[in-house]
């Protein structure tokens, strides 16, 4: 009987590995086939090439890359945190220009969906629920659009979400504090405000051997923080990330009347996130997405299940608090994320929202309404991706 149990567990593990490979290949292929083609906004692969050539700056300033900082002749700084460029470096080293930036987005999006499958299996050992969650993450959210497009604004968010999802998986798996610190450090180097996710993991880790866990968490995170401080210092003479405000004329733009961040901007984000609708017309194709955004309950109605998670659980409480903290930052930004499909700034807290959704769905077996809301989520995102990337049917 003991031997049979071992074989059963082995087969169970092999089954999940096989499913994750199929899902990864499937999502990557879908993102590739639904891509809008080569993105001209390839800041990260250009920066990756610069790193490989011993530079921390670009030597060219193409006119369509309008968010570069001119340091001197033939010396231009990329304003975005550099983690996506670091990820692209091995691929660019081996494949050169044959590895475009959008391909990295395809891979990162597919990995995020597969991590969602893994997270779901760890929460509740149900293959059906795990497949449901993975399909939701990969095809039923705006992660699909970001991963199919691959421009630098979208790629930074995708990479940040992938690393936060990796930390969530590890927290529900072996709980290795050092590795969790590495993942959150990498997320921080993708989107600086994702450092606000760090307390979530720290508070969950202090339940056992808290001194050791917090030390290992800090040691995992520290190299990324030091890299960021050094990267800023050699460019701007300060450890703080002030790159964006140095873009010429950026603070003169009408959406930054109160500066780059201000609480008075919060209502405009809430309006897009909860009330933005498609564009309706009397001519074909009759319904078009808006570059200004689309409400989250339209792009992913299945997120409603996040509200069915048990609020008494520590991880659920901390997830909602973390979503709130990250939201305070992104909602206070002067722009609402345009141009976009959906409300893309929400992707910064999507890993926690997906975690809560899995928690809510896992309280019972899958019912008909779970599949209906998943189908609606996939249909809306299919519509958005195809209308934008393949037909160009979008406007403000």
Protein backbone atom coordinates (compact mmCIF):
# COMPACT_ATOMS: atom_id res chain seq x y z
CA UNK A 1 0.00 0.00 0.00
CA UNK A 2 2.85 2.36 0.82
CA UNK A 3 4.47 1.82 -2.60
CA UNK A 4 1.17 2.42 -4.35
CA UNK A 5 0.78 5.74 -2.54
CA UNK A 6 4.24 6.83 -3.67
CA UNK A 7 3.44 5.98 -7.29
CA UNK A 8 0.14 7.84 -7.03
CA UNK A 9 1.82 11.01 -5.76
CA UNK A 10 4.49 10.72 -8.45
CA UNK A 11 1.87 10.38 -11.18
CA UNK A 12 -0.06 13.32 -9.72
CA UNK A 13 3.05 15.48 -9.90
CA UNK A 14 3.89 14.36 -13.43
CA UNK A 15 0.33 15.12 -14.53
CA UNK A 16 0.63 18.71 -13.35
CA UNK A 17 4.02 19.16 -14.97
CA UNK A 18 2.58 17.92 -18.27
CA UNK A 19 -0.40 20.29 -18.00
CA UNK A 20 1.81 23.29 -17.22
CA UNK A 21 3.98 22.58 -20.29
CA UNK A 22 0.89 22.36 -22.51
CA UNK A 23 -0.51 25.57 -21.01
CA UNK A 24 2.78 27.44 -21.41
CA UNK A 25 3.13 26.46 -25.05
CA UNK A 26 -0.54 27.20 -25.71
CA UNK A 27 -0.50 30.66 -24.16
CA UNK A 28 2.77 31.59 -25.87
CA UNK A 29 1.37 30.54 -29.24
CA UNK A 30 -1.87 32.46 -28.69
CA UNK A 31 0.01 35.62 -27.71
CA UNK A 32 2.25 35.26 -30.75
CA UNK A 33 -0.65 34.71 -33.16
CA UNK A 34 -2.67 37.61 -31.74
CA UNK A 35 0.25 40.02 -31.54
CA UNK A 36 0.05 43.36 -33.30
CA UNK A 37 3.54 42.73 -34.68
CA UNK A 38 6.84 44.34 -33.81
CA UNK A 39 6.51 47.09 -31.22
CA UNK A 40 8.47 50.26 -32.05
CA UNK A 41 8.52 51.12 -28.32
CA UNK A 42 11.39 48.75 -27.60
CA UNK A 43 13.20 50.66 -24.86
CA UNK A 44 14.04 47.48 -22.97
CA UNK A 45 15.78 45.46 -25.67
CA UNK A 46 17.77 48.58 -26.58
CA UNK A 47 18.77 48.97 -22.93
CA UNK A 48 19.55 45.25 -22.77
CA UNK A 49 21.92 45.64 -25.72
CA UNK A 50 23.53 48.60 -23.95
CA UNK A 51 24.10 46.50 -20.80
CA UNK A 52 25.68 43.76 -22.91
CA UNK A 53 28.06 46.37 -24.37
CA UNK A 54 29.05 47.75 -20.97
CA UNK A 55 26.81 50.84 -21.07
CA UNK A 56 23.96 51.95 -18.81
CA UNK A 57 22.56 54.35 -21.41
CA UNK A 58 21.42 54.33 -25.03
CA UNK A 59 23.62 55.84 -27.69
CA UNK A 60 20.73 56.56 -30.07
CA UNK A 61 17.57 58.61 -29.67
CA UNK A 62 14.99 57.63 -32.33
CA UNK A 63 12.25 60.30 -32.60
CA UNK A 64 9.45 57.86 -31.73
CA UNK A 65 11.02 57.08 -28.35
CA UNK A 66 9.79 60.22 -26.64
CA UNK A 67 10.53 59.21 -23.04
CA UNK A 68 14.31 59.29 -23.01
CA UNK A 69 16.43 61.69 -20.97
CA UNK A 70 19.27 63.38 -22.81
CA UNK A 71 22.44 63.37 -20.69
CA UNK A 72 24.83 64.50 -23.43
CA UNK A 73 25.50 63.83 -27.09
CA UNK A 74 24.92 60.13 -27.81
CA UNK A 75 23.98 59.45 -24.19
CA UNK A 76 20.30 58.88 -23.35
CA UNK A 77 18.75 57.37 -20.23
CA UNK A 78 15.77 55.02 -20.19
CA UNK A 79 13.33 56.18 -17.52
CA UNK A 80 11.78 52.81 -16.70
CA UNK A 81 13.15 50.39 -14.07
CA UNK A 82 15.55 47.97 -15.80
CA UNK A 83 14.41 44.46 -14.82
CA UNK A 84 12.81 43.66 -18.23
CA UNK A 85 16.08 44.66 -19.91
CA UNK A 86 17.99 42.35 -17.56
CA UNK A 87 15.63 39.49 -18.41
CA UNK A 88 16.08 40.10 -22.13
CA UNK A 89 19.89 40.12 -21.92
CA UNK A 90 20.54 36.35 -22.26
CA UNK A 91 18.16 36.12 -25.23
CA UNK A 92 19.68 39.16 -26.93
CA UNK A 93 23.18 37.82 -26.30
CA UNK A 94 22.36 34.53 -28.01
CA UNK A 95 19.85 35.63 -30.66
CA UNK A 96 20.59 39.32 -31.13
CA UNK A 97 17.93 41.21 -33.11
CA UNK A 98 16.14 37.95 -33.82
CA UNK A 99 14.75 38.17 -30.28
CA UNK A 100 12.28 41.11 -30.35
CA UNK A 101 10.84 42.71 -27.23
CA UNK A 102 7.30 41.47 -27.86
CA UNK A 103 8.53 37.86 -27.70
CA UNK A 104 9.72 38.47 -24.15
CA UNK A 105 6.22 39.75 -23.35
CA UNK A 106 4.70 36.56 -24.82
CA UNK A 107 6.94 34.41 -22.62
CA UNK A 108 6.36 36.45 -19.45
CA UNK A 109 2.59 36.42 -19.95
CA UNK A 110 2.61 32.64 -20.47
CA UNK A 111 4.78 32.08 -17.38
CA UNK A 112 2.38 34.19 -15.30
CA UNK A 113 -0.59 32.09 -16.43
CA UNK A 114 1.31 28.87 -15.64
CA UNK A 115 2.26 30.23 -12.21
CA UNK A 116 -1.44 30.86 -11.65
CA UNK A 117 -2.08 27.17 -12.36
CA UNK A 118 0.62 26.22 -9.85
CA UNK A 119 -0.73 28.61 -7.23
CA UNK A 120 -4.23 27.19 -7.63
CA UNK A 121 -2.99 23.61 -7.20
CA UNK A 122 -1.22 24.63 -3.99
CA UNK A 123 -4.36 26.31 -2.63
CA UNK A 124 -6.68 23.43 -3.55
CA UNK A 125 -5.60 20.23 -5.24
CA UNK A 126 -8.16 20.45 -8.02
CA UNK A 127 -7.01 20.20 -11.62
CA UNK A 128 -10.27 21.68 -12.90
CA UNK A 129 -10.01 24.75 -10.69
CA UNK A 130 -6.33 25.16 -11.57
CA UNK A 131 -7.08 25.05 -15.31
CA UNK A 132 -9.99 27.45 -14.78
CA UNK A 133 -7.70 29.89 -12.91
CA UNK A 134 -4.92 29.63 -15.49
CA UNK A 135 -7.33 30.30 -18.37
CA UNK A 136 -8.72 33.26 -16.45
CA UNK A 137 -5.24 34.71 -15.87
CA UNK A 138 -3.93 34.10 -19.37
CA UNK A 139 -7.00 34.73 -21.54
CA UNK A 140 -9.65 36.25 -19.30
CA UNK A 141 -7.75 39.35 -18.16
CA UNK A 142 -5.93 42.19 -19.90
CA UNK A 143 -2.71 40.26 -19.32
CA UNK A 144 -3.50 38.81 -22.75
CA UNK A 145 -3.45 42.22 -24.40
CA UNK A 146 -0.28 43.31 -22.60
CA UNK A 147 1.49 40.04 -23.44
CA UNK A 148 0.42 40.13 -27.11
CA UNK A 149 1.53 43.76 -27.50
CA UNK A 150 4.84 43.95 -25.64
CA UNK A 151 5.51 47.70 -25.66
CA UNK A 152 7.69 48.91 -22.81
CA UNK A 153 4.86 50.38 -20.71
CA UNK A 154 3.07 47.05 -20.75
CA UNK A 155 6.15 44.85 -20.41
CA UNK A 156 7.29 46.49 -17.18
CA UNK A 157 3.91 45.71 -15.62
CA UNK A 158 3.91 42.14 -16.92
CA UNK A 159 7.36 41.42 -15.49
CA UNK A 160 6.44 42.93 -12.13
CA UNK A 161 3.25 40.84 -11.97
CA UNK A 162 5.14 37.68 -12.92
CA UNK A 163 7.60 38.09 -10.05
CA UNK A 164 4.91 38.90 -7.49
CA UNK A 165 3.01 35.81 -8.65
CA UNK A 166 6.24 33.82 -8.23
CA UNK A 167 6.49 35.06 -4.64
CA UNK A 168 2.87 34.05 -3.99
CA UNK A 169 3.57 30.55 -5.31
CA UNK A 170 6.65 30.19 -3.11
CA UNK A 171 4.72 31.48 -0.08
CA UNK A 172 2.17 28.72 -0.58
CA UNK A 173 4.85 26.10 -1.40
CA UNK A 174 8.14 25.84 0.47
CA UNK A 175 8.08 29.31 2.03
CA UNK A 176 11.77 29.96 1.34
CA UNK A 177 12.15 33.52 2.61
CA UNK A 178 15.34 34.29 0.67
CA UNK A 179 13.73 33.28 -2.64
CA UNK A 180 10.62 35.33 -1.87
CA UNK A 181 12.89 38.31 -1.21
CA UNK A 182 14.55 37.75 -4.60
CA UNK A 183 11.18 37.68 -6.36
CA UNK A 184 9.95 40.88 -4.69
CA UNK A 185 13.31 42.52 -5.37
CA UNK A 186 12.92 41.67 -9.06
CA UNK A 187 9.35 43.01 -8.99
CA UNK A 188 10.67 46.22 -7.40
CA UNK A 189 13.18 46.53 -10.27
CA UNK A 190 10.24 46.26 -12.66
CA UNK A 191 7.75 48.60 -10.97
CA UNK A 192 9.21 50.49 -8.01
CA UNK A 193 5.96 50.77 -6.04
CA UNK A 194 5.64 46.96 -5.95
CA UNK A 195 7.93 47.20 -2.93
CA UNK A 196 4.61 47.72 -1.14
CA UNK A 197 4.01 43.98 -1.55
CA UNK A 198 6.97 43.23 0.74
CA UNK A 199 5.07 43.65 4.05
CA UNK A 200 2.49 41.06 2.88
CA UNK A 201 5.19 38.38 2.67
CA UNK A 202 7.06 39.57 5.74
CA UNK A 203 3.93 39.33 7.91
CA UNK A 204 3.13 35.84 6.67
CA UNK A 205 6.71 34.67 7.25
CA UNK A 206 7.00 35.89 10.86
CA UNK A 207 4.63 33.17 12.02
CA UNK A 208 7.56 30.75 12.28
CA UNK A 209 11.21 31.45 13.08
CA UNK A 210 10.60 35.12 12.37
CA UNK A 211 14.15 36.39 12.94
CA UNK A 212 15.66 33.93 10.47
CA UNK A 213 12.90 34.45 7.89
CA UNK A 214 12.99 38.23 8.00
CA UNK A 215 16.79 38.21 7.68
CA UNK A 216 16.63 35.89 4.68
CA UNK A 217 13.82 37.95 3.12
CA UNK A 218 15.93 41.10 3.50
CA UNK A 219 19.03 39.39 2.09
CA UNK A 220 17.07 38.29 -0.95
CA UNK A 221 15.63 41.74 -1.55
CA UNK A 222 18.74 43.80 -0.74
CA UNK A 223 20.82 43.20 -3.92
CA UNK A 224 17.99 44.51 -6.08
CA UNK A 225 17.56 47.59 -3.91
CA UNK A 226 21.30 48.28 -4.02
CA UNK A 227 21.36 47.78 -7.79
CA UNK A 228 18.51 50.27 -8.15
CA UNK A 229 20.22 52.81 -5.87
CA UNK A 230 23.51 52.47 -7.76
CA UNK A 231 21.82 52.61 -11.15
CA UNK A 232 20.09 55.86 -10.17
CA UNK A 233 23.21 57.34 -8.58
CA UNK A 234 25.49 56.91 -11.59
CA UNK A 235 22.84 58.52 -13.78
CA UNK A 236 21.39 61.27 -11.60
CA UNK A 237 23.64 61.63 -8.54
CA UNK A 238 20.89 60.41 -6.20
CA UNK A 239 19.75 56.96 -5.10
CA UNK A 240 16.11 57.91 -5.64
CA UNK A 241 14.25 57.03 -8.82
CA UNK A 242 13.46 60.48 -10.21
CA UNK A 243 13.93 59.58 -13.88
CA UNK A 244 10.38 60.19 -15.06
CA UNK A 245 10.17 63.78 -13.86
CA UNK A 246 13.34 64.57 -15.85
CA UNK A 247 11.62 63.89 -19.18
CA UNK A 248 11.65 67.29 -20.93
CA UNK A 249 8.30 69.06 -20.54
CA UNK A 250 6.58 66.20 -18.75
CA UNK A 251 5.35 68.32 -15.83
CA UNK A 252 3.89 70.84 -18.29
CA UNK A 253 1.45 68.24 -19.61
CA UNK A 254 -2.19 68.98 -18.65
CA UNK A 255 -2.70 65.79 -16.59
CA UNK A 256 0.18 66.71 -14.24
CA UNK A 257 -1.15 70.06 -12.99
CA UNK A 258 -0.54 68.98 -9.37
CA UNK A 259 2.71 67.11 -10.09
CA UNK A 260 3.37 63.51 -11.07
CA UNK A 261 1.46 62.10 -8.09
CA UNK A 262 -1.35 63.73 -6.12
CA UNK A 263 -4.42 62.47 -4.21
CA UNK A 264 -6.71 64.68 -6.30
CA UNK A 265 -6.04 62.38 -9.27
CA UNK A 266 -7.68 59.39 -7.53
CA UNK A 267 -11.26 60.03 -8.82
CA UNK A 268 -10.16 59.92 -12.47
CA UNK A 269 -8.69 56.45 -11.92
CA UNK A 270 -11.78 55.20 -10.12
CA UNK A 271 -13.89 56.51 -13.01
CA UNK A 272 -11.90 54.52 -15.58
CA UNK A 273 -11.61 51.38 -13.42
CA UNK A 274 -15.32 51.16 -12.59
CA UNK A 275 -17.33 53.18 -15.11
CA UNK A 276 -15.42 53.27 -18.44
CA UNK A 277 -17.51 51.72 -21.24
CA UNK A 278 -16.81 50.69 -24.85
CA UNK A 279 -17.50 53.10 -27.70
CA UNK A 280 -20.85 52.45 -29.36
CA UNK A 281 -21.72 53.64 -32.87
CA UNK A 282 -24.31 53.08 -35.60
CA UNK A 283 -21.70 51.95 -38.11
CA UNK A 284 -19.65 48.76 -38.33
CA UNK A 285 -18.14 47.34 -36.13
CA UNK A 286 -20.71 49.03 -33.82
CA UNK A 287 -18.78 48.42 -30.58
CA UNK A 288 -15.12 49.40 -30.19
CA UNK A 289 -12.76 49.49 -27.21
CA UNK A 290 -11.50 52.89 -26.09
CA UNK A 291 -7.82 53.74 -25.69
CA UNK A 292 -8.94 55.63 -22.58
CA UNK A 293 -9.76 52.38 -20.79
CA UNK A 294 -12.51 49.93 -19.91
CA UNK A 295 -13.99 49.02 -16.53
CA UNK A 296 -12.49 46.01 -14.78
CA UNK A 297 -15.90 44.38 -14.27
CA UNK A 298 -16.28 44.33 -18.07
CA UNK A 299 -12.82 43.00 -18.93
CA UNK A 300 -12.84 40.35 -16.16
CA UNK A 301 -16.29 39.78 -14.60
CA UNK A 302 -14.94 36.60 -12.98
CA UNK A 303 -13.01 38.74 -10.49
CA UNK A 304 -16.28 38.92 -8.57
CA UNK A 305 -15.25 35.65 -6.90
CA UNK A 306 -12.45 37.48 -5.07
CA UNK A 307 -15.16 38.80 -2.75
CA UNK A 308 -16.09 35.23 -1.78
CA UNK A 309 -12.68 34.52 -0.21
CA UNK A 310 -12.66 34.08 3.57
CA UNK A 311 -11.82 37.46 5.06
CA UNK A 312 -10.90 35.78 8.38
CA UNK A 313 -7.82 34.20 6.79
CA UNK A 314 -4.64 36.22 7.35
CA UNK A 315 -3.50 35.92 3.73
CA UNK A 316 -6.88 37.19 2.50
CA UNK A 317 -6.86 40.20 4.83
CA UNK A 318 -3.29 41.04 3.91
CA UNK A 319 -4.07 40.68 0.18
CA UNK A 320 -6.85 43.27 0.37
CA UNK A 321 -4.59 45.60 2.37
CA UNK A 322 -1.80 45.18 -0.20
CA UNK A 323 -4.21 45.87 -3.06
CA UNK A 324 -5.28 49.02 -1.24
CA UNK A 325 -1.68 50.20 -0.71
CA UNK A 326 -0.64 49.60 -4.32
CA UNK A 327 -3.88 51.24 -5.49
CA UNK A 328 -3.13 54.38 -3.48
CA UNK A 329 0.06 54.84 -5.49
CA UNK A 330 -1.26 54.02 -8.96
CA UNK A 331 -4.52 55.94 -8.40
CA UNK A 332 -2.49 59.00 -7.43
CA UNK A 333 -0.65 59.11 -10.74
CA UNK A 334 -1.54 61.91 -13.11
CA UNK A 335 -2.42 59.67 -16.06
CA UNK A 336 -4.84 56.76 -15.99
CA UNK A 337 -2.72 54.45 -18.13
CA UNK A 338 -3.77 55.40 -21.64
CA UNK A 339 -3.26 54.15 -24.28
CA UNK A 340 -4.65 50.87 -23.05
CA UNK A 341 -7.23 48.13 -23.24
CA UNK A 342 -8.99 47.89 -19.90
CA UNK A 343 -7.40 49.59 -16.91
CA UNK A 344 -3.78 48.48 -17.11
CA UNK A 345 -2.55 49.97 -13.83
CA UNK A 346 -4.65 47.33 -12.06
CA UNK A 347 -2.18 44.70 -13.33
CA UNK A 348 0.16 45.90 -10.58
CA UNK A 349 -2.16 44.27 -8.03
CA UNK A 350 -3.56 41.52 -10.29
CA UNK A 351 -1.49 38.76 -8.61
CA UNK A 352 -3.26 39.42 -5.31
CA UNK A 353 -6.64 39.79 -7.02
CA UNK A 354 -6.11 36.48 -8.85
CA UNK A 355 -5.02 34.88 -5.55
CA UNK A 356 -8.24 36.08 -3.90
CA UNK A 357 -10.30 34.88 -6.86
CA UNK A 358 -8.79 31.39 -6.57
CA UNK A 359 -9.49 31.46 -2.84
CA UNK A 360 -13.11 32.39 -3.50
CA UNK A 361 -13.67 29.78 -6.20
CA UNK A 362 -11.92 27.08 -4.15
CA UNK A 363 -14.54 27.22 -1.42
CA UNK A 364 -16.67 24.84 -3.52
CA UNK A 365 -16.51 22.74 -6.65
CA UNK A 366 -16.78 24.53 -9.98
CA UNK A 367 -20.39 25.35 -10.87
CA UNK A 368 -21.97 26.43 -14.14
CA UNK A 369 -21.70 30.12 -13.22
CA UNK A 370 -17.93 29.85 -12.79
CA UNK A 371 -17.62 28.64 -16.40
CA UNK A 372 -20.06 31.27 -17.64
CA UNK A 373 -18.09 34.14 -16.09
CA UNK A 374 -14.83 32.65 -17.33
CA UNK A 375 -16.29 32.42 -20.84
CA UNK A 376 -17.49 36.04 -20.67
CA UNK A 377 -14.04 37.16 -19.50
CA UNK A 378 -12.33 35.32 -22.35
CA UNK A 379 -14.83 36.62 -24.94
CA UNK A 380 -14.32 40.25 -23.87
CA UNK A 381 -10.54 39.94 -23.97
CA UNK A 382 -10.62 38.12 -27.31
CA UNK A 383 -12.71 40.99 -28.66
CA UNK A 384 -10.32 43.61 -27.31
CA UNK A 385 -7.13 41.93 -28.54
CA UNK A 386 -8.45 41.17 -32.03
CA UNK A 387 -10.20 44.51 -32.51
CA UNK A 388 -7.03 46.41 -31.54
CA UNK A 389 -4.15 44.24 -32.77
CA UNK A 390 -5.64 42.74 -35.93
CA UNK A 391 -8.24 45.23 -37.17
CA UNK A 392 -7.25 48.56 -35.58
CA UNK A 393 -10.83 49.16 -34.48
CA UNK A 394 -10.19 51.42 -31.49
CA UNK A 395 -10.37 55.14 -30.71
CA UNK A 396 -10.78 57.58 -27.84
